[in-house]
């Protein structure tokens, strides 16, 4: 990828990491949504740390581009197209991973999507499309991985990418879905602990990826002012957090949501479709003498 948003292949290949170079040697890491954004950055980092990476998503073309870029640098990445909304396709997908690589050690749920829409204008179809992917599809991936670990009598780890608890205004559908994943993760972290399965979430704030292309440039500028650190995050910073929590370094962490958001859960505001005048007027009061 060489666009203005996100990170280029060159940047992902050379970006320094705080994690140990061989941290994931011998591990198999499955990443949904691995063809773009945070999932793509996580695939690069996991592969650079020694993992056999398997990326899945709906676009075979995007997956192939990521796999090819990693392979050109001697890294191990296999693309397997999968629509996580198709429940019947998920078990065969994991069966193929196990057949080819012998195991799945870490599942990163990064697939998902949203678009700006006022809640009053959300149609049933628009609501269901986001819920089916961000909530139901993610759960299906989690449950199928957990069933594999149960049947093989080995532990595993799951990390789901959600949203910061203050959320993104004007995307109520994804806020609802991601909050469901946080609650779900906390619940199954207890249920699955006897199986040696850890379940956690990473909650990013405003992270500059190619997905921002749906928003006008003015929104990009404002996003950079939406947290106390007054900058956007990078996909690499989220990838490092996900692999820290999901990997060996996070071995005593389960049922938690780590906020990687520049402090935006404490202060700030993110309006995906522009700030309504009602709230603009409220903000002006802080500017008055």
C-alpha atoms as a PDB file:
ATOM      1  CA  UNK A   1       0.000   0.000   0.000  1.00  0.00           C
ATOM      2  CA  UNK A   2       1.406   3.357  -0.967  1.00  0.00           C
ATOM      3  CA  UNK A   3      -1.455   5.763  -0.258  1.00  0.00           C
ATOM      4  CA  UNK A   4      -1.438   8.816   1.976  1.00  0.00           C
ATOM      5  CA  UNK A   5      -3.327   6.977   4.717  1.00  0.00           C
ATOM      6  CA  UNK A   6      -2.000   3.993   6.635  1.00  0.00           C
ATOM      7  CA  UNK A   7       1.570   2.680   6.398  1.00  0.00           C
ATOM      8  CA  UNK A   8       3.504   1.605   3.323  1.00  0.00           C
ATOM      9  CA  UNK A   9       5.005  -1.863   2.999  1.00  0.00           C
ATOM     10  CA  UNK A  10       8.431  -0.274   3.324  1.00  0.00           C
ATOM     11  CA  UNK A  11       7.475   1.388   6.602  1.00  0.00           C
ATOM     12  CA  UNK A  12       5.987  -1.829   7.981  1.00  0.00           C
ATOM     13  CA  UNK A  13       9.107  -3.778   6.997  1.00  0.00           C
ATOM     14  CA  UNK A  14      11.471  -1.361   8.743  1.00  0.00           C
ATOM     15  CA  UNK A  15       9.483   0.040  11.667  1.00  0.00           C
ATOM     16  CA  UNK A  16      11.311  -0.729  14.951  1.00  0.00           C
ATOM     17  CA  UNK A  17       9.495  -2.942  17.450  1.00  0.00           C
ATOM     18  CA  UNK A  18       9.699  -2.992  21.224  1.00  0.00           C
ATOM     19  CA  UNK A  19       8.973  -6.736  21.186  1.00  0.00           C
ATOM     20  CA  UNK A  20      11.638  -9.447  21.106  1.00  0.00           C
ATOM     21  CA  UNK A  21      12.664 -10.414  17.537  1.00  0.00           C
ATOM     22  CA  UNK A  22      11.849 -14.137  17.921  1.00  0.00           C
ATOM     23  CA  UNK A  23       8.888 -13.780  20.281  1.00  0.00           C
ATOM     24  CA  UNK A  24       6.546 -15.752  18.014  1.00  0.00           C
ATOM     25  CA  UNK A  25       8.976 -18.314  16.603  1.00  0.00           C
ATOM     26  CA  UNK A  26       7.057 -21.548  15.996  1.00  0.00           C
ATOM     27  CA  UNK A  27       3.656 -19.915  16.558  1.00  0.00           C
ATOM     28  CA  UNK A  28       0.708 -19.759  14.191  1.00  0.00           C
ATOM     29  CA  UNK A  29      -1.159 -16.453  14.281  1.00  0.00           C
ATOM     30  CA  UNK A  30      -4.540 -16.081  12.563  1.00  0.00           C
ATOM     31  CA  UNK A  31      -5.625 -12.527  11.766  1.00  0.00           C
ATOM     32  CA  UNK A  32      -9.070 -11.660  10.462  1.00  0.00           C
ATOM     33  CA  UNK A  33      -9.254  -8.461   8.470  1.00  0.00           C
ATOM     34  CA  UNK A  34      -5.601  -8.979   7.607  1.00  0.00           C
ATOM     35  CA  UNK A  35      -5.822  -7.351   4.209  1.00  0.00           C
ATOM     36  CA  UNK A  36      -5.832  -3.768   5.428  1.00  0.00           C
ATOM     37  CA  UNK A  37      -5.505  -1.365   8.333  1.00  0.00           C
ATOM     38  CA  UNK A  38      -4.687  -2.662  11.791  1.00  0.00           C
ATOM     39  CA  UNK A  39      -4.940  -6.291  10.667  1.00  0.00           C
ATOM     40  CA  UNK A  40      -2.365  -5.721   7.946  1.00  0.00           C
ATOM     41  CA  UNK A  41       0.064  -4.034  10.335  1.00  0.00           C
ATOM     42  CA  UNK A  42      -0.409  -6.868  12.831  1.00  0.00           C
ATOM     43  CA  UNK A  43       0.347  -9.425  10.127  1.00  0.00           C
ATOM     44  CA  UNK A  44       3.605  -7.642   9.329  1.00  0.00           C
ATOM     45  CA  UNK A  45       4.659  -7.448  12.959  1.00  0.00           C
ATOM     46  CA  UNK A  46       3.728 -11.040  13.825  1.00  0.00           C
ATOM     47  CA  UNK A  47       5.591 -12.338  10.774  1.00  0.00           C
ATOM     48  CA  UNK A  48       8.641 -10.231  11.574  1.00  0.00           C
ATOM     49  CA  UNK A  49       8.614 -11.724  15.083  1.00  0.00           C
ATOM     50  CA  UNK A  50       8.799 -15.230  13.631  1.00  0.00           C
ATOM     51  CA  UNK A  51       5.174 -16.333  13.345  1.00  0.00           C
ATOM     52  CA  UNK A  52       3.531 -18.280  10.595  1.00  0.00           C
ATOM     53  CA  UNK A  53       0.759 -15.795   9.833  1.00  0.00           C
ATOM     54  CA  UNK A  54      -2.589 -16.673   8.288  1.00  0.00           C
ATOM     55  CA  UNK A  55      -4.643 -13.694   7.139  1.00  0.00           C
ATOM     56  CA  UNK A  56      -8.293 -13.866   6.179  1.00  0.00           C
ATOM     57  CA  UNK A  57     -10.869 -11.429   4.871  1.00  0.00           C
ATOM     58  CA  UNK A  58     -13.397 -10.935   2.112  1.00  0.00           C
ATOM     59  CA  UNK A  59     -11.047  -9.476  -0.511  1.00  0.00           C
ATOM     60  CA  UNK A  60      -8.762 -12.110  -1.996  1.00  0.00           C
ATOM     61  CA  UNK A  61      -6.958  -9.343  -3.881  1.00  0.00           C
ATOM     62  CA  UNK A  62      -6.058  -7.417  -0.711  1.00  0.00           C
ATOM     63  CA  UNK A  63      -4.977 -10.586   1.073  1.00  0.00           C
ATOM     64  CA  UNK A  64      -2.775 -11.612  -1.842  1.00  0.00           C
ATOM     65  CA  UNK A  65      -1.111  -8.194  -1.916  1.00  0.00           C
ATOM     66  CA  UNK A  66      -0.228  -8.383   1.784  1.00  0.00           C
ATOM     67  CA  UNK A  67       0.996 -11.975   1.535  1.00  0.00           C
ATOM     68  CA  UNK A  68       3.100 -11.176  -1.517  1.00  0.00           C
ATOM     69  CA  UNK A  69       4.712  -8.170   0.159  1.00  0.00           C
ATOM     70  CA  UNK A  70       5.622 -10.227   3.233  1.00  0.00           C
ATOM     71  CA  UNK A  71       6.817 -13.178   1.164  1.00  0.00           C
ATOM     72  CA  UNK A  72       9.104 -10.899  -0.827  1.00  0.00           C
ATOM     73  CA  UNK A  73      10.926 -10.197   2.433  1.00  0.00           C
ATOM     74  CA  UNK A  74      11.163 -13.847   3.459  1.00  0.00           C
ATOM     75  CA  UNK A  75       8.279 -13.691   5.922  1.00  0.00           C
ATOM     76  CA  UNK A  76       5.637 -16.392   6.316  1.00  0.00           C
ATOM     77  CA  UNK A  77       2.112 -15.297   5.467  1.00  0.00           C
ATOM     78  CA  UNK A  78      -0.692 -17.344   3.948  1.00  0.00           C
ATOM     79  CA  UNK A  79      -3.873 -15.697   2.598  1.00  0.00           C
ATOM     80  CA  UNK A  80      -7.164 -17.581   3.007  1.00  0.00           C
ATOM     81  CA  UNK A  81     -10.277 -15.675   1.886  1.00  0.00           C
ATOM     82  CA  UNK A  82     -13.106 -15.809   4.439  1.00  0.00           C
ATOM     83  CA  UNK A  83     -16.251 -13.809   5.107  1.00  0.00           C
ATOM     84  CA  UNK A  84     -16.705 -14.114   8.870  1.00  0.00           C
ATOM     85  CA  UNK A  85     -20.406 -13.369   8.436  1.00  0.00           C
ATOM     86  CA  UNK A  86     -20.725 -16.813   6.825  1.00  0.00           C
ATOM     87  CA  UNK A  87     -20.863 -18.997   9.925  1.00  0.00           C
ATOM     88  CA  UNK A  88     -20.729 -22.247   7.970  1.00  0.00           C
ATOM     89  CA  UNK A  89     -17.387 -21.262   6.415  1.00  0.00           C
ATOM     90  CA  UNK A  90     -15.527 -20.648   9.676  1.00  0.00           C
ATOM     91  CA  UNK A  91     -15.073 -24.226  10.896  1.00  0.00           C
ATOM     92  CA  UNK A  92     -13.682 -25.360   7.504  1.00  0.00           C
ATOM     93  CA  UNK A  93     -11.364 -22.345   7.541  1.00  0.00           C
ATOM     94  CA  UNK A  94      -9.878 -23.339  10.914  1.00  0.00           C
ATOM     95  CA  UNK A  95      -9.718 -26.979   9.828  1.00  0.00           C
ATOM     96  CA  UNK A  96      -7.621 -25.877   6.856  1.00  0.00           C
ATOM     97  CA  UNK A  97      -5.314 -23.857   9.114  1.00  0.00           C
ATOM     98  CA  UNK A  98      -4.816 -26.837  11.421  1.00  0.00           C
ATOM     99  CA  UNK A  99      -4.305 -29.238   8.520  1.00  0.00           C
ATOM    100  CA  UNK A 100      -1.656 -27.041   6.922  1.00  0.00           C
ATOM    101  CA  UNK A 101       0.166 -25.705   9.965  1.00  0.00           C
ATOM    102  CA  UNK A 102      -0.717 -28.061  12.817  1.00  0.00           C
ATOM    103  CA  UNK A 103      -2.093 -25.462  15.199  1.00  0.00           C
ATOM    104  CA  UNK A 104      -3.476 -22.015  15.809  1.00  0.00           C
ATOM    105  CA  UNK A 105      -1.869 -20.306  18.785  1.00  0.00           C
ATOM    106  CA  UNK A 106      -3.282 -16.785  18.603  1.00  0.00           C
ATOM    107  CA  UNK A 107      -6.401 -15.360  16.988  1.00  0.00           C
ATOM    108  CA  UNK A 108      -6.534 -11.633  16.298  1.00  0.00           C
ATOM    109  CA  UNK A 109     -10.057 -10.443  15.506  1.00  0.00           C
ATOM    110  CA  UNK A 110      -9.456  -7.335  13.415  1.00  0.00           C
ATOM    111  CA  UNK A 111     -12.183  -7.734  10.794  1.00  0.00           C
ATOM    112  CA  UNK A 112     -14.952  -5.195  10.918  1.00  0.00           C
ATOM    113  CA  UNK A 113     -16.181  -1.964   9.552  1.00  0.00           C
ATOM    114  CA  UNK A 114     -18.428   1.010   9.996  1.00  0.00           C
ATOM    115  CA  UNK A 115     -19.461   4.167   8.235  1.00  0.00           C
ATOM    116  CA  UNK A 116     -20.856   7.502   9.446  1.00  0.00           C
ATOM    117  CA  UNK A 117     -24.619   7.435   9.871  1.00  0.00           C
ATOM    118  CA  UNK A 118     -26.906   9.162  12.362  1.00  0.00           C
ATOM    119  CA  UNK A 119     -28.659   6.611  14.571  1.00  0.00           C
ATOM    120  CA  UNK A 120     -32.061   8.005  13.563  1.00  0.00           C
ATOM    121  CA  UNK A 121     -31.208   7.203   9.950  1.00  0.00           C
ATOM    122  CA  UNK A 122     -29.917   3.660  10.420  1.00  0.00           C
ATOM    123  CA  UNK A 123     -31.924   1.144   8.438  1.00  0.00           C
ATOM    124  CA  UNK A 124     -32.427  -2.406   9.656  1.00  0.00           C
ATOM    125  CA  UNK A 125     -30.150  -3.621   6.867  1.00  0.00           C
ATOM    126  CA  UNK A 126     -27.370  -1.167   7.758  1.00  0.00           C
ATOM    127  CA  UNK A 127     -27.602  -2.093  11.432  1.00  0.00           C
ATOM    128  CA  UNK A 128     -27.567  -5.817  10.746  1.00  0.00           C
ATOM    129  CA  UNK A 129     -24.620  -5.643   8.344  1.00  0.00           C
ATOM    130  CA  UNK A 130     -22.360  -4.143  11.002  1.00  0.00           C
ATOM    131  CA  UNK A 131     -23.651  -6.343  13.825  1.00  0.00           C
ATOM    132  CA  UNK A 132     -23.203  -9.470  11.695  1.00  0.00           C
ATOM    133  CA  UNK A 133     -19.539  -8.664  11.088  1.00  0.00           C
ATOM    134  CA  UNK A 134     -18.309  -6.815  14.160  1.00  0.00           C
ATOM    135  CA  UNK A 135     -20.193  -8.837  16.769  1.00  0.00           C
ATOM    136  CA  UNK A 136     -21.624 -12.086  15.464  1.00  0.00           C
ATOM    137  CA  UNK A 137     -18.786 -12.859  13.072  1.00  0.00           C
ATOM    138  CA  UNK A 138     -16.159 -12.108  15.695  1.00  0.00           C
ATOM    139  CA  UNK A 139     -17.910 -14.380  18.189  1.00  0.00           C
ATOM    140  CA  UNK A 140     -18.058 -17.185  15.634  1.00  0.00           C
ATOM    141  CA  UNK A 141     -14.296 -16.902  15.125  1.00  0.00           C
ATOM    142  CA  UNK A 142     -13.692 -16.904  18.884  1.00  0.00           C
ATOM    143  CA  UNK A 143     -15.964 -19.881  19.550  1.00  0.00           C
ATOM    144  CA  UNK A 144     -14.535 -21.956  16.713  1.00  0.00           C
ATOM    145  CA  UNK A 145     -10.968 -21.316  17.837  1.00  0.00           C
ATOM    146  CA  UNK A 146     -11.890 -22.166  21.430  1.00  0.00           C
ATOM    147  CA  UNK A 147     -13.547 -25.416  20.353  1.00  0.00           C
ATOM    148  CA  UNK A 148     -10.353 -26.361  18.521  1.00  0.00           C
ATOM    149  CA  UNK A 149      -8.241 -25.667  21.595  1.00  0.00           C
ATOM    150  CA  UNK A 150     -10.655 -27.631  23.768  1.00  0.00           C
ATOM    151  CA  UNK A 151     -10.616 -30.667  21.473  1.00  0.00           C
ATOM    152  CA  UNK A 152      -6.833 -30.605  21.133  1.00  0.00           C
ATOM    153  CA  UNK A 153      -6.295 -30.116  24.894  1.00  0.00           C
ATOM    154  CA  UNK A 154      -4.075 -27.097  24.375  1.00  0.00           C
ATOM    155  CA  UNK A 155      -4.471 -23.464  25.348  1.00  0.00           C
ATOM    156  CA  UNK A 156      -4.689 -20.452  23.114  1.00  0.00           C
ATOM    157  CA  UNK A 157      -5.138 -16.720  23.057  1.00  0.00           C
ATOM    158  CA  UNK A 158      -7.657 -14.334  21.486  1.00  0.00           C
ATOM    159  CA  UNK A 159      -7.384 -10.575  21.029  1.00  0.00           C
ATOM    160  CA  UNK A 160     -10.239  -8.570  19.542  1.00  0.00           C
ATOM    161  CA  UNK A 161      -9.894  -5.041  18.218  1.00  0.00           C
ATOM    162  CA  UNK A 162     -12.774  -2.921  19.528  1.00  0.00           C
ATOM    163  CA  UNK A 163     -13.243   0.838  20.079  1.00  0.00           C
ATOM    164  CA  UNK A 164     -12.385   3.203  22.899  1.00  0.00           C
ATOM    165  CA  UNK A 165     -15.235   3.400  25.445  1.00  0.00           C
ATOM    166  CA  UNK A 166     -16.043   7.011  24.610  1.00  0.00           C
ATOM    167  CA  UNK A 167     -16.697   5.634  21.168  1.00  0.00           C
ATOM    168  CA  UNK A 168     -17.012   7.314  17.834  1.00  0.00           C
ATOM    169  CA  UNK A 169     -20.033   9.563  17.571  1.00  0.00           C
ATOM    170  CA  UNK A 170     -22.422   8.940  14.678  1.00  0.00           C
ATOM    171  CA  UNK A 171     -21.528   5.256  14.340  1.00  0.00           C
ATOM    172  CA  UNK A 172     -23.865   3.784  16.947  1.00  0.00           C
ATOM    173  CA  UNK A 173     -24.002   0.443  15.128  1.00  0.00           C
ATOM    174  CA  UNK A 174     -20.275  -0.268  15.527  1.00  0.00           C
ATOM    175  CA  UNK A 175     -20.212   1.109  19.083  1.00  0.00           C
ATOM    176  CA  UNK A 176     -22.929  -1.380  20.028  1.00  0.00           C
ATOM    177  CA  UNK A 177     -21.156  -4.272  18.325  1.00  0.00           C
ATOM    178  CA  UNK A 178     -17.746  -3.539  19.817  1.00  0.00           C
ATOM    179  CA  UNK A 179     -19.181  -3.014  23.310  1.00  0.00           C
ATOM    180  CA  UNK A 180     -20.755  -6.433  22.895  1.00  0.00           C
ATOM    181  CA  UNK A 181     -17.362  -7.937  22.089  1.00  0.00           C
ATOM    182  CA  UNK A 182     -15.837  -6.347  25.204  1.00  0.00           C
ATOM    183  CA  UNK A 183     -18.595  -7.783  27.407  1.00  0.00           C
ATOM    184  CA  UNK A 184     -18.389 -11.124  25.619  1.00  0.00           C
ATOM    185  CA  UNK A 185     -14.613 -11.289  26.063  1.00  0.00           C
ATOM    186  CA  UNK A 186     -14.883 -10.618  29.782  1.00  0.00           C
ATOM    187  CA  UNK A 187     -17.495 -13.379  30.102  1.00  0.00           C
ATOM    188  CA  UNK A 188     -15.708 -16.089  28.127  1.00  0.00           C
ATOM    189  CA  UNK A 189     -12.344 -15.222  29.699  1.00  0.00           C
ATOM    190  CA  UNK A 190     -13.819 -16.725  32.866  1.00  0.00           C
ATOM    191  CA  UNK A 191     -15.584 -19.625  31.157  1.00  0.00           C
ATOM    192  CA  UNK A 192     -12.557 -20.619  29.090  1.00  0.00           C
ATOM    193  CA  UNK A 193      -9.846 -20.072  31.712  1.00  0.00           C
ATOM    194  CA  UNK A 194      -9.928 -23.773  32.731  1.00  0.00           C
ATOM    195  CA  UNK A 195      -9.069 -24.584  29.107  1.00  0.00           C
ATOM    196  CA  UNK A 196      -5.972 -22.386  29.207  1.00  0.00           C
ATOM    197  CA  UNK A 197      -7.543 -19.844  26.855  1.00  0.00           C
ATOM    198  CA  UNK A 198      -6.923 -16.135  27.390  1.00  0.00           C
ATOM    199  CA  UNK A 199      -9.321 -13.566  25.906  1.00  0.00           C
ATOM    200  CA  UNK A 200      -8.636  -9.824  25.730  1.00  0.00           C
ATOM    201  CA  UNK A 201      -9.453  -6.698  23.744  1.00  0.00           C
ATOM    202  CA  UNK A 202      -7.502  -3.746  22.405  1.00  0.00           C
ATOM    203  CA  UNK A 203      -9.479  -0.497  22.191  1.00  0.00           C
ATOM    204  CA  UNK A 204      -7.834   1.945  19.772  1.00  0.00           C
ATOM    205  CA  UNK A 205      -8.598   5.626  19.590  1.00  0.00           C
ATOM    206  CA  UNK A 206      -8.183   7.609  16.367  1.00  0.00           C
ATOM    207  CA  UNK A 207      -5.764   5.517  14.282  1.00  0.00           C
ATOM    208  CA  UNK A 208      -4.831   6.693  10.787  1.00  0.00           C
ATOM    209  CA  UNK A 209      -5.505   3.836   8.350  1.00  0.00           C
ATOM    210  CA  UNK A 210      -6.639   3.614   4.761  1.00  0.00           C
ATOM    211  CA  UNK A 211     -10.179   3.168   6.115  1.00  0.00           C
ATOM    212  CA  UNK A 212     -10.194   6.907   6.777  1.00  0.00           C
ATOM    213  CA  UNK A 213     -10.647   7.478   3.058  1.00  0.00           C
ATOM    214  CA  UNK A 214     -14.418   7.537   3.639  1.00  0.00           C
ATOM    215  CA  UNK A 215     -14.012  10.704   5.714  1.00  0.00           C
ATOM    216  CA  UNK A 216     -13.210  14.186   4.339  1.00  0.00           C
ATOM    217  CA  UNK A 217      -9.717  15.633   5.021  1.00  0.00           C
ATOM    218  CA  UNK A 218     -11.105  18.095   7.557  1.00  0.00           C
ATOM    219  CA  UNK A 219     -12.256  15.182   9.704  1.00  0.00           C
ATOM    220  CA  UNK A 220      -8.731  13.710   9.566  1.00  0.00           C
ATOM    221  CA  UNK A 221      -7.319  16.989  10.883  1.00  0.00           C
ATOM    222  CA  UNK A 222      -9.817  17.104  13.725  1.00  0.00           C
ATOM    223  CA  UNK A 223      -9.218  13.464  14.664  1.00  0.00           C
ATOM    224  CA  UNK A 224      -5.613  14.384  15.425  1.00  0.00           C
ATOM    225  CA  UNK A 225      -6.912  16.757  18.116  1.00  0.00           C
ATOM    226  CA  UNK A 226      -9.338  14.258  19.662  1.00  0.00           C
ATOM    227  CA  UNK A 227      -7.223  13.068  22.598  1.00  0.00           C
ATOM    228  CA  UNK A 228      -4.930  14.565  25.280  1.00  0.00           C
ATOM    229  CA  UNK A 229      -1.806  13.626  23.278  1.00  0.00           C
ATOM    230  CA  UNK A 230      -3.221  15.592  20.314  1.00  0.00           C
ATOM    231  CA  UNK A 231      -2.134  13.172  17.627  1.00  0.00           C
ATOM    232  CA  UNK A 232      -3.461  10.134  15.859  1.00  0.00           C
ATOM    233  CA  UNK A 233      -2.161   6.654  16.542  1.00  0.00           C
ATOM    234  CA  UNK A 234      -0.552   4.384  13.974  1.00  0.00           C
ATOM    235  CA  UNK A 235      -1.621   0.846  13.029  1.00  0.00           C
ATOM    236  CA  UNK A 236       1.808  -0.288  14.230  1.00  0.00           C
ATOM    237  CA  UNK A 237       1.129   0.960  17.764  1.00  0.00           C
ATOM    238  CA  UNK A 238      -2.086  -1.070  17.873  1.00  0.00           C
ATOM    239  CA  UNK A 239      -0.320  -4.132  16.443  1.00  0.00           C
ATOM    240  CA  UNK A 240       2.358  -3.950  19.127  1.00  0.00           C
ATOM    241  CA  UNK A 241      -0.280  -3.735  21.854  1.00  0.00           C
ATOM    242  CA  UNK A 242      -2.256  -6.663  20.412  1.00  0.00           C
ATOM    243  CA  UNK A 243       0.782  -8.929  20.183  1.00  0.00           C
ATOM    244  CA  UNK A 244       2.004  -7.913  23.627  1.00  0.00           C
ATOM    245  CA  UNK A 245      -1.333  -8.781  25.235  1.00  0.00           C
ATOM    246  CA  UNK A 246      -1.994 -11.836  23.096  1.00  0.00           C
ATOM    247  CA  UNK A 247       1.499 -13.282  23.186  1.00  0.00           C
ATOM    248  CA  UNK A 248       3.816 -14.719  25.847  1.00  0.00           C
ATOM    249  CA  UNK A 249       4.461 -11.337  27.463  1.00  0.00           C
ATOM    250  CA  UNK A 250       0.765 -11.102  28.369  1.00  0.00           C
ATOM    251  CA  UNK A 251       0.520 -14.569  29.858  1.00  0.00           C
ATOM    252  CA  UNK A 252      -1.143 -13.369  33.084  1.00  0.00           C
ATOM    253  CA  UNK A 253      -3.615 -11.039  31.339  1.00  0.00           C
ATOM    254  CA  UNK A 254      -7.154 -12.180  30.548  1.00  0.00           C
ATOM    255  CA  UNK A 255     -10.606 -10.646  30.404  1.00  0.00           C
ATOM    256  CA  UNK A 256      -9.174  -7.155  29.978  1.00  0.00           C
ATOM    257  CA  UNK A 257      -9.539  -4.279  27.537  1.00  0.00           C
ATOM    258  CA  UNK A 258      -6.367  -2.284  26.957  1.00  0.00           C
ATOM    259  CA  UNK A 259      -7.063   1.246  25.754  1.00  0.00           C
ATOM    260  CA  UNK A 260      -4.491   2.403  23.211  1.00  0.00           C
ATOM    261  CA  UNK A 261      -6.001   5.772  22.463  1.00  0.00           C
ATOM    262  CA  UNK A 262      -3.812   8.667  23.578  1.00  0.00           C
ATOM    263  CA  UNK A 263      -6.101   9.150  26.591  1.00  0.00           C
ATOM    264  CA  UNK A 264      -9.262   9.703  24.560  1.00  0.00           C
ATOM    265  CA  UNK A 265     -11.309   7.671  27.034  1.00  0.00           C
ATOM    266  CA  UNK A 266     -10.507  10.436  29.544  1.00  0.00           C
ATOM    267  CA  UNK A 267     -10.943  13.534  27.380  1.00  0.00           C
ATOM    268  CA  UNK A 268     -11.765  14.343  23.791  1.00  0.00           C
ATOM    269  CA  UNK A 269     -14.450  13.866  21.178  1.00  0.00           C
ATOM    270  CA  UNK A 270     -14.591  12.193  17.775  1.00  0.00           C
ATOM    271  CA  UNK A 271     -17.386  13.115  15.380  1.00  0.00           C
ATOM    272  CA  UNK A 272     -17.317  10.970  12.247  1.00  0.00           C
ATOM    273  CA  UNK A 273     -19.805  13.135  10.344  1.00  0.00           C
ATOM    274  CA  UNK A 274     -18.975  16.562  11.739  1.00  0.00           C
ATOM    275  CA  UNK A 275     -19.796  18.138  15.091  1.00  0.00           C
ATOM    276  CA  UNK A 276     -23.445  19.217  15.409  1.00  0.00           C
ATOM    277  CA  UNK A 277     -24.097  22.891  16.106  1.00  0.00           C
ATOM    278  CA  UNK A 278     -25.641  21.994  19.472  1.00  0.00           C
ATOM    279  CA  UNK A 279     -22.243  20.792  20.706  1.00  0.00           C
ATOM    280  CA  UNK A 280     -20.291  23.453  18.834  1.00  0.00           C
ATOM    281  CA  UNK A 281     -22.244  26.056  20.809  1.00  0.00           C
ATOM    282  CA  UNK A 282     -21.375  24.281  24.061  1.00  0.00           C
ATOM    283  CA  UNK A 283     -17.679  24.267  23.151  1.00  0.00           C
ATOM    284  CA  UNK A 284     -17.744  27.987  22.446  1.00  0.00           C
ATOM    285  CA  UNK A 285     -18.518  28.693  26.090  1.00  0.00           C
ATOM    286  CA  UNK A 286     -14.947  27.687  26.932  1.00  0.00           C
ATOM    287  CA  UNK A 287     -13.632  30.301  24.530  1.00  0.00           C
ATOM    288  CA  UNK A 288     -15.605  33.192  25.938  1.00  0.00           C
ATOM    289  CA  UNK A 289     -13.787  35.690  28.190  1.00  0.00           C
END
